[in-house]
Structures are given as structure tokens and as C-alpha cells.
Amino acid sequence: MINPITAKITPQLLKAFMPKGMNITIAEPTALDSWVQFFKNVPQLGIIVLMVIFSGIMANEFSRGTLINMLTKGLPRSIVIFSKFSMAATVWTFSYALCSVVTYLYTEFFWGSNGISNIPLSLFSLWLFGILILAMIMLSGVLFNSSYGGLLFTGGFVVVLMLINIVPGLQKYNPISLASRNMALLTNEIAASDFLLPISISIITAILALGFAIALFNKKQV
């Protein structure tokens, strides 16, 4: 809810707290400013919260030994991974959809979205990056028996993507683009086709991460 509201009231707050006698021209907020807030808050805060909440999704099971009874009764280990991932993905999807819809409705109410391009693709891209993060969390949960290890592994993965993004020639392949270049997509600074490669690579990476998680879990002693 704070995304469009922040964009709407920020100029008024600046004017209210401005020292007497000082005049600064402040541009009127637009729908684009609302989406700026959205694509700043969700990657910076939302993804971090997502990592923290689900970092112990497998580690807690190992520490409590709650999987032993189910596995000894024949529950396939792949089902454990898929069910955990599906639950986390559902929570992420619902939360993200709720945030997106509220932002969209408030933005439409205040300004409308005329002149803004590729909103669905930009929203989908950031959602997919969250799915990729969840897949890496599942892999890290099998690799480490502590939520801290999983959190560090997933955080390290994001840091590596940021470092790769320093190389200009690799930016068009980098999944981090799905969470960092959304505004450039909305303003047509980049074409929608530029997101096809990072979207494809993100999907493949997520599938591989889940595949490795299942393979390692099948060999892991619980």
C-alpha cells in the first residue's frame, strides 16, 4: 500500500518540512513514481524477507527429525522437495500478487497508467526472480543443516549475480536483470525481447537447482 501513497505524498512532505524562505521546485508525482517505489521496495525488502522466512524450510526438518517417520514409511524424497517448494512458491505468489494488485489499483486511482509499457512482463519478471530464489533456498536447505548456512548460500548466489552484472557483456544473460531493470522496461529504455534470455536462464537455473536438491536429498542421511 505504501508504494503509490509514498509517491503521492512525498512532494507534500518535502514542502511541509522545508525551511521557511527556501523554494524548491518539486515535480508532480506520476504513475511512474508509484511503480518506482514498487520495484524498489520489493527487490530490496521483499526478496530479503522471502529469504529469511524460508531459509530454514529444510534445516528445521533435519534438526527436529520430523521427516524420518514419513520417509521410512515410503514417502518419496522428491515429493518432500516439491511439496516444500510448492508451499513456499504459493505463499510468495499470493503475497506478491496482493502487493501488485494493491499498487496497481491505487496507481490507477491516483493517476492512471497511460504511457507506461510492459507492466505485466515487468511484474512477471520480478515474480520469476523470487521463484528462482526459492529454488536456490531448497538447494541450500539440502546442502546445509542450518538456516544460517542456507541463508548465506542464497545470499551469496545473489551477490554473485550482482558481480556478474558488472561485466557489460553478461548483463543481457543475467537473471538479476529481472529484479533490477524493471523500470527500464516500463519506460521502453530496453525492449521486452531483452528479457527473454534472463527469463529463460532463470527458469533453467531454477529447474536445475530443484533437480540437484532432489539428487542430493536422495543420498542424504536424515
C-alpha atoms as a PDB file:
ATOM      1  CA  MET A   1       0.000   0.000   0.000  1.00  0.00           C
ATOM      2  CA  ILE A   2       2.865   2.379   0.675  1.00  0.00           C
ATOM      3  CA  ASN A   3       4.175   2.269  -2.908  1.00  0.00           C
ATOM      4  CA  PRO A   4       1.672   4.677  -4.544  1.00  0.00           C
ATOM      5  CA  ILE A   5       0.979   6.525  -1.308  1.00  0.00           C
ATOM      6  CA  THR A   6       4.670   7.289  -0.820  1.00  0.00           C
ATOM      7  CA  ALA A   7       4.879   8.626  -4.361  1.00  0.00           C
ATOM      8  CA  LYS A   8       1.753  10.726  -3.802  1.00  0.00           C
ATOM      9  CA  ILE A   9       2.638  12.387  -0.508  1.00  0.00           C
ATOM     10  CA  THR A  10       6.428  12.741  -0.780  1.00  0.00           C
ATOM     11  CA  PRO A  11       6.293  16.164  -2.508  1.00  0.00           C
ATOM     12  CA  GLN A  12       3.799  17.386   0.104  1.00  0.00           C
ATOM     13  CA  LEU A  13       6.017  16.158   2.944  1.00  0.00           C
ATOM     14  CA  LEU A  14       9.047  17.872   1.434  1.00  0.00           C
ATOM     15  CA  LYS A  15       7.121  21.146   1.174  1.00  0.00           C
ATOM     16  CA  ALA A  16       5.830  20.822   4.749  1.00  0.00           C
ATOM     17  CA  PHE A  17       9.292  20.291   6.250  1.00  0.00           C
ATOM     18  CA  MET A  18      11.117  22.730   4.022  1.00  0.00           C
ATOM     19  CA  PRO A  19      12.663  25.687   5.923  1.00  0.00           C
ATOM     20  CA  LYS A  20      10.859  28.998   5.552  1.00  0.00           C
ATOM     21  CA  GLY A  21      12.137  31.157   2.729  1.00  0.00           C
ATOM     22  CA  MET A  22      13.519  28.178   0.777  1.00  0.00           C
ATOM     23  CA  ASN A  23      11.776  27.455  -2.501  1.00  0.00           C
ATOM     24  CA  ILE A  24      12.465  24.255  -4.413  1.00  0.00           C
ATOM     25  CA  THR A  25      10.529  23.209  -7.479  1.00  0.00           C
ATOM     26  CA  ILE A  26       9.199  19.700  -6.974  1.00  0.00           C
ATOM     27  CA  ALA A  27       7.746  17.819  -9.906  1.00  0.00           C
ATOM     28  CA  GLU A  28       4.238  16.469  -9.541  1.00  0.00           C
ATOM     29  CA  PRO A  29       4.225  12.719  -8.836  1.00  0.00           C
ATOM     30  CA  THR A  30       3.133  10.405 -11.625  1.00  0.00           C
ATOM     31  CA  ALA A  31       2.143   6.765 -12.036  1.00  0.00           C
ATOM     32  CA  LEU A  32       5.736   6.010 -12.923  1.00  0.00           C
ATOM     33  CA  ASP A  33       6.838   7.220  -9.482  1.00  0.00           C
ATOM     34  CA  SER A  34       4.462   4.731  -7.900  1.00  0.00           C
ATOM     35  CA  TRP A  35       5.980   1.851  -9.840  1.00  0.00           C
ATOM     36  CA  VAL A  36       9.449   3.145  -8.953  1.00  0.00           C
ATOM     37  CA  GLN A  37       8.523   2.631  -5.311  1.00  0.00           C
ATOM     38  CA  PHE A  38       7.182  -0.853  -6.056  1.00  0.00           C
ATOM     39  CA  PHE A  39      10.257  -2.032  -7.952  1.00  0.00           C
ATOM     40  CA  LYS A  40      12.493  -0.548  -5.278  1.00  0.00           C
ATOM     41  CA  ASN A  41      10.728  -1.960  -2.227  1.00  0.00           C
ATOM     42  CA  VAL A  42      10.015  -5.496  -3.433  1.00  0.00           C
ATOM     43  CA  PRO A  43      13.555  -6.393  -4.606  1.00  0.00           C
ATOM     44  CA  GLN A  44      15.253  -4.680  -1.671  1.00  0.00           C
ATOM     45  CA  LEU A  45      12.879  -5.659   1.128  1.00  0.00           C
ATOM     46  CA  GLY A  46      10.523  -8.301  -0.223  1.00  0.00           C
ATOM     47  CA  ILE A  47      13.214 -10.649  -1.540  1.00  0.00           C
ATOM     48  CA  ILE A  48      15.215 -10.332   1.691  1.00  0.00           C
ATOM     49  CA  VAL A  49      12.142 -11.156   3.774  1.00  0.00           C
ATOM     50  CA  LEU A  50      11.438 -14.098   1.466  1.00  0.00           C
ATOM     51  CA  MET A  51      14.949 -15.451   2.024  1.00  0.00           C
ATOM     52  CA  VAL A  52      14.785 -15.026   5.790  1.00  0.00           C
ATOM     53  CA  ILE A  53      11.353 -16.644   6.153  1.00  0.00           C
ATOM     54  CA  PHE A  54      12.128 -19.739   4.091  1.00  0.00           C
ATOM     55  CA  SER A  55      15.843 -20.174   4.800  1.00  0.00           C
ATOM     56  CA  GLY A  56      15.063 -22.851   7.380  1.00  0.00           C
ATOM     57  CA  ILE A  57      12.430 -24.695   5.363  1.00  0.00           C
ATOM     58  CA  MET A  58      14.582 -27.859   5.191  1.00  0.00           C
ATOM     59  CA  ALA A  59      17.002 -27.225   8.042  1.00  0.00           C
ATOM     60  CA  ASN A  60      14.175 -27.248  10.587  1.00  0.00           C
ATOM     61  CA  GLU A  61      13.045 -30.659   9.350  1.00  0.00           C
ATOM     62  CA  PHE A  62      16.548 -32.071   9.745  1.00  0.00           C
ATOM     63  CA  SER A  63      17.067 -30.625  13.216  1.00  0.00           C
ATOM     64  CA  ARG A  64      13.696 -31.853  14.510  1.00  0.00           C
ATOM     65  CA  GLY A  65      13.809 -35.209  12.756  1.00  0.00           C
ATOM     66  CA  THR A  66      10.238 -34.801  11.557  1.00  0.00           C
ATOM     67  CA  LEU A  67      10.930 -36.384   8.166  1.00  0.00           C
ATOM     68  CA  ILE A  68      12.152 -39.729   9.500  1.00  0.00           C
ATOM     69  CA  ASN A  69       8.728 -41.301  10.052  1.00  0.00           C
ATOM     70  CA  MET A  70       7.375 -40.228   6.678  1.00  0.00           C
ATOM     71  CA  LEU A  71      10.462 -41.331   4.754  1.00  0.00           C
ATOM     72  CA  THR A  72      10.657 -44.706   6.484  1.00  0.00           C
ATOM     73  CA  LYS A  73       7.011 -45.306   5.500  1.00  0.00           C
ATOM     74  CA  GLY A  74       7.880 -44.899   1.840  1.00  0.00           C
ATOM     75  CA  LEU A  75       7.272 -41.244   1.083  1.00  0.00           C
ATOM     76  CA  PRO A  76       9.404 -40.383  -1.989  1.00  0.00           C
ATOM     77  CA  ARG A  77      12.028 -37.804  -1.165  1.00  0.00           C
ATOM     78  CA  SER A  78      11.263 -35.912  -4.352  1.00  0.00           C
ATOM     79  CA  ILE A  79       7.736 -35.331  -3.004  1.00  0.00           C
ATOM     80  CA  VAL A  80       9.233 -33.675   0.075  1.00  0.00           C
ATOM     81  CA  ILE A  81      11.201 -31.234  -2.080  1.00  0.00           C
ATOM     82  CA  PHE A  82       8.321 -30.475  -4.420  1.00  0.00           C
ATOM     83  CA  SER A  83       5.795 -30.028  -1.610  1.00  0.00           C
ATOM     84  CA  LYS A  84       8.084 -27.682   0.320  1.00  0.00           C
ATOM     85  CA  PHE A  85       8.862 -25.706  -2.822  1.00  0.00           C
ATOM     86  CA  SER A  86       5.201 -25.563  -3.865  1.00  0.00           C
ATOM     87  CA  MET A  87       4.146 -24.277  -0.457  1.00  0.00           C
ATOM     88  CA  ALA A  88       6.817 -21.558  -0.465  1.00  0.00           C
ATOM     89  CA  ALA A  89       6.005 -20.618  -4.073  1.00  0.00           C
ATOM     90  CA  THR A  90       2.307 -20.353  -3.215  1.00  0.00           C
ATOM     91  CA  VAL A  91       2.995 -18.009  -0.301  1.00  0.00           C
ATOM     92  CA  TRP A  92       5.313 -15.904  -2.450  1.00  0.00           C
ATOM     93  CA  THR A  93       2.829 -15.790  -5.340  1.00  0.00           C
ATOM     94  CA  PHE A  94      -0.100 -14.804  -3.142  1.00  0.00           C
ATOM     95  CA  SER A  95       1.876 -12.123  -1.298  1.00  0.00           C
ATOM     96  CA  TYR A  96       3.383 -10.736  -4.490  1.00  0.00           C
ATOM     97  CA  ALA A  97       0.032 -10.742  -6.288  1.00  0.00           C
ATOM     98  CA  LEU A  98      -1.614  -8.923  -3.393  1.00  0.00           C
ATOM     99  CA  CYS A  99       1.110  -6.264  -3.359  1.00  0.00           C
ATOM    100  CA  SER A 100       0.956  -5.891  -7.146  1.00  0.00           C
ATOM    101  CA  VAL A 101      -2.836  -5.574  -7.279  1.00  0.00           C
ATOM    102  CA  VAL A 102      -2.950  -3.010  -4.466  1.00  0.00           C
ATOM    103  CA  THR A 103      -0.215  -0.961  -6.117  1.00  0.00           C
ATOM    104  CA  TYR A 104      -1.947  -1.165  -9.497  1.00  0.00           C
ATOM    105  CA  LEU A 105      -5.368  -0.159  -8.139  1.00  0.00           C
ATOM    106  CA  TYR A 106      -4.015   2.756  -6.099  1.00  0.00           C
ATOM    107  CA  THR A 107      -1.918   3.913  -9.055  1.00  0.00           C
ATOM    108  CA  GLU A 108      -4.928   3.764 -11.346  1.00  0.00           C
ATOM    109  CA  PHE A 109      -6.987   5.675  -8.783  1.00  0.00           C
ATOM    110  CA  PHE A 110      -4.441   8.471  -8.378  1.00  0.00           C
ATOM    111  CA  TRP A 111      -3.038   8.807 -11.902  1.00  0.00           C
ATOM    112  CA  GLY A 112      -3.934   6.007 -14.311  1.00  0.00           C
ATOM    113  CA  SER A 113      -1.283   4.036 -16.189  1.00  0.00           C
ATOM    114  CA  ASN A 114      -1.333   5.791 -19.543  1.00  0.00           C
ATOM    115  CA  GLY A 115       2.072   5.894 -21.184  1.00  0.00           C
ATOM    116  CA  ILE A 116       3.550   3.040 -19.117  1.00  0.00           C
ATOM    117  CA  SER A 117       4.527  -0.020 -21.107  1.00  0.00           C
ATOM    118  CA  ASN A 118       5.157  -3.680 -20.278  1.00  0.00           C
ATOM    119  CA  ILE A 119       3.671  -3.702 -16.761  1.00  0.00           C
ATOM    120  CA  PRO A 120       2.627  -7.407 -16.943  1.00  0.00           C
ATOM    121  CA  LEU A 121       6.048  -8.531 -18.198  1.00  0.00           C
ATOM    122  CA  SER A 122       7.865  -6.427 -15.633  1.00  0.00           C
ATOM    123  CA  LEU A 123       5.732  -7.856 -12.812  1.00  0.00           C
ATOM    124  CA  PHE A 124       6.169 -11.408 -14.099  1.00  0.00           C
ATOM    125  CA  SER A 125       9.940 -10.987 -14.298  1.00  0.00           C
ATOM    126  CA  LEU A 126      10.275  -9.946 -10.672  1.00  0.00           C
ATOM    127  CA  TRP A 127       7.939 -12.777  -9.591  1.00  0.00           C
ATOM    128  CA  LEU A 128      10.087 -15.270 -11.513  1.00  0.00           C
ATOM    129  CA  PHE A 129      13.206 -13.987  -9.768  1.00  0.00           C
ATOM    130  CA  GLY A 130      11.512 -14.768  -6.458  1.00  0.00           C
ATOM    131  CA  ILE A 131      10.800 -18.299  -7.703  1.00  0.00           C
ATOM    132  CA  LEU A 132      14.477 -18.657  -8.617  1.00  0.00           C
ATOM    133  CA  ILE A 133      15.447 -17.548  -5.113  1.00  0.00           C
ATOM    134  CA  LEU A 134      13.112 -20.181  -3.622  1.00  0.00           C
ATOM    135  CA  ALA A 135      14.682 -22.873  -5.800  1.00  0.00           C
ATOM    136  CA  MET A 136      18.128 -21.887  -4.531  1.00  0.00           C
ATOM    137  CA  ILE A 137      16.788 -21.935  -0.962  1.00  0.00           C
ATOM    138  CA  MET A 138      15.631 -25.532  -1.499  1.00  0.00           C
ATOM    139  CA  LEU A 139      19.078 -26.499  -2.783  1.00  0.00           C
ATOM    140  CA  SER A 140      20.836 -24.753   0.088  1.00  0.00           C
ATOM    141  CA  GLY A 141      18.459 -26.411   2.553  1.00  0.00           C
ATOM    142  CA  VAL A 142      19.669 -29.819   1.426  1.00  0.00           C
ATOM    143  CA  LEU A 143      23.331 -28.789   1.369  1.00  0.00           C
ATOM    144  CA  PHE A 144      23.331 -27.327   4.884  1.00  0.00           C
ATOM    145  CA  ASN A 145      21.650 -28.404   8.090  1.00  0.00           C
ATOM    146  CA  SER A 146      21.204 -24.885   9.404  1.00  0.00           C
ATOM    147  CA  SER A 147      19.071 -21.975   8.293  1.00  0.00           C
ATOM    148  CA  TYR A 148      22.123 -19.708   8.543  1.00  0.00           C
ATOM    149  CA  GLY A 149      24.010 -21.819   6.024  1.00  0.00           C
ATOM    150  CA  GLY A 150      21.069 -21.738   3.659  1.00  0.00           C
ATOM    151  CA  LEU A 151      20.668 -18.006   4.059  1.00  0.00           C
ATOM    152  CA  LEU A 152      24.365 -17.378   3.390  1.00  0.00           C
ATOM    153  CA  PHE A 153      24.347 -19.672   0.355  1.00  0.00           C
ATOM    154  CA  THR A 154      21.316 -17.982  -1.187  1.00  0.00           C
ATOM    155  CA  GLY A 155      22.612 -14.522  -0.323  1.00  0.00           C
ATOM    156  CA  GLY A 156      25.953 -15.477  -1.860  1.00  0.00           C
ATOM    157  CA  PHE A 157      24.144 -16.544  -5.024  1.00  0.00           C
ATOM    158  CA  VAL A 158      22.552 -13.097  -5.310  1.00  0.00           C
ATOM    159  CA  VAL A 159      25.904 -11.407  -4.670  1.00  0.00           C
ATOM    160  CA  VAL A 160      27.495 -13.479  -7.458  1.00  0.00           C
ATOM    161  CA  LEU A 161      24.744 -12.369  -9.832  1.00  0.00           C
ATOM    162  CA  MET A 162      25.428  -8.753  -8.868  1.00  0.00           C
ATOM    163  CA  LEU A 163      29.150  -9.202  -9.521  1.00  0.00           C
ATOM    164  CA  ILE A 164      28.453 -10.803 -12.895  1.00  0.00           C
ATOM    165  CA  ASN A 165      26.301  -7.791 -13.740  1.00  0.00           C
ATOM    166  CA  ILE A 166      29.396  -5.591 -13.568  1.00  0.00           C
ATOM    167  CA  VAL A 167      30.535  -7.084 -16.881  1.00  0.00           C
ATOM    168  CA  PRO A 168      28.504  -5.266 -19.578  1.00  0.00           C
ATOM    169  CA  GLY A 169      28.608  -8.190 -21.989  1.00  0.00           C
ATOM    170  CA  LEU A 170      26.971 -10.525 -19.468  1.00  0.00           C
ATOM    171  CA  GLN A 171      24.140  -8.270 -18.354  1.00  0.00           C
ATOM    172  CA  LYS A 172      21.759  -9.474 -21.061  1.00  0.00           C
ATOM    173  CA  TYR A 173      22.066 -13.054 -19.742  1.00  0.00           C
ATOM    174  CA  ASN A 174      21.963 -12.266 -16.031  1.00  0.00           C
ATOM    175  CA  PRO A 175      18.836 -13.278 -14.060  1.00  0.00           C
ATOM    176  CA  ILE A 176      19.408 -10.310 -11.736  1.00  0.00           C
ATOM    177  CA  SER A 177      18.033  -8.182 -14.583  1.00  0.00           C
ATOM    178  CA  LEU A 178      14.586  -9.497 -13.694  1.00  0.00           C
ATOM    179  CA  ALA A 179      14.784  -7.626 -10.398  1.00  0.00           C
ATOM    180  CA  SER A 180      16.919  -4.631 -11.341  1.00  0.00           C
ATOM    181  CA  ARG A 181      15.899  -3.431 -14.832  1.00  0.00           C
ATOM    182  CA  ASN A 182      12.128  -3.370 -14.423  1.00  0.00           C
ATOM    183  CA  MET A 183      11.845   0.404 -14.654  1.00  0.00           C
ATOM    184  CA  ALA A 184      13.905   0.446 -17.851  1.00  0.00           C
ATOM    185  CA  LEU A 185      11.346  -1.979 -19.253  1.00  0.00           C
ATOM    186  CA  LEU A 186       8.425   0.206 -18.182  1.00  0.00           C
ATOM    187  CA  THR A 187       9.936   3.297 -19.794  1.00  0.00           C
ATOM    188  CA  ASN A 188      10.921   1.450 -23.008  1.00  0.00           C
ATOM    189  CA  GLU A 189      14.616   2.068 -22.421  1.00  0.00           C
ATOM    190  CA  ILE A 190      15.009  -1.622 -23.176  1.00  0.00           C
ATOM    191  CA  ALA A 191      12.807  -3.841 -25.319  1.00  0.00           C
ATOM    192  CA  ALA A 192      10.652  -6.646 -23.981  1.00  0.00           C
ATOM    193  CA  SER A 193      12.707  -9.080 -26.065  1.00  0.00           C
ATOM    194  CA  ASP A 194      15.773  -8.204 -23.967  1.00  0.00           C
ATOM    195  CA  PHE A 195      14.178 -10.076 -21.066  1.00  0.00           C
ATOM    196  CA  LEU A 196      13.766 -13.357 -22.968  1.00  0.00           C
ATOM    197  CA  LEU A 197      17.298 -14.570 -22.257  1.00  0.00           C
ATOM    198  CA  PRO A 198      17.363 -13.834 -18.492  1.00  0.00           C
ATOM    199  CA  ILE A 199      13.857 -15.309 -18.157  1.00  0.00           C
ATOM    200  CA  SER A 200      14.928 -18.491 -19.940  1.00  0.00           C
ATOM    201  CA  ILE A 201      18.145 -18.761 -17.941  1.00  0.00           C
ATOM    202  CA  SER A 202      16.246 -18.192 -14.681  1.00  0.00           C
ATOM    203  CA  ILE A 203      13.778 -20.973 -15.475  1.00  0.00           C
ATOM    204  CA  ILE A 204      16.553 -23.390 -16.423  1.00  0.00           C
ATOM    205  CA  THR A 205      18.578 -22.473 -13.322  1.00  0.00           C
ATOM    206  CA  ALA A 206      15.561 -22.981 -11.052  1.00  0.00           C
ATOM    207  CA  ILE A 207      14.844 -26.394 -12.592  1.00  0.00           C
ATOM    208  CA  LEU A 208      18.494 -27.422 -12.227  1.00  0.00           C
ATOM    209  CA  ALA A 209      18.570 -26.234  -8.605  1.00  0.00           C
ATOM    210  CA  LEU A 210      15.497 -28.315  -7.769  1.00  0.00           C
ATOM    211  CA  GLY A 211      16.942 -31.287  -9.650  1.00  0.00           C
ATOM    212  CA  PHE A 212      20.220 -31.077  -7.722  1.00  0.00           C
ATOM    213  CA  ALA A 213      18.272 -30.676  -4.472  1.00  0.00           C
ATOM    214  CA  ILE A 214      16.362 -33.896  -5.147  1.00  0.00           C
ATOM    215  CA  ALA A 215      19.510 -35.783  -6.198  1.00  0.00           C
ATOM    216  CA  LEU A 216      21.414 -34.702  -3.084  1.00  0.00           C
ATOM    217  CA  PHE A 217      18.457 -35.336  -0.799  1.00  0.00           C
ATOM    218  CA  ASN A 218      18.138 -38.895  -2.140  1.00  0.00           C
ATOM    219  CA  LYS A 219      21.706 -39.535  -0.969  1.00  0.00           C
ATOM    220  CA  LYS A 220      21.473 -37.590   2.289  1.00  0.00           C
ATOM    221  CA  GLN A 221      21.170 -39.399   5.584  1.00  0.00           C
ATOM    222  CA  VAL A 222      18.282 -37.959   7.581  1.00  0.00           C
END
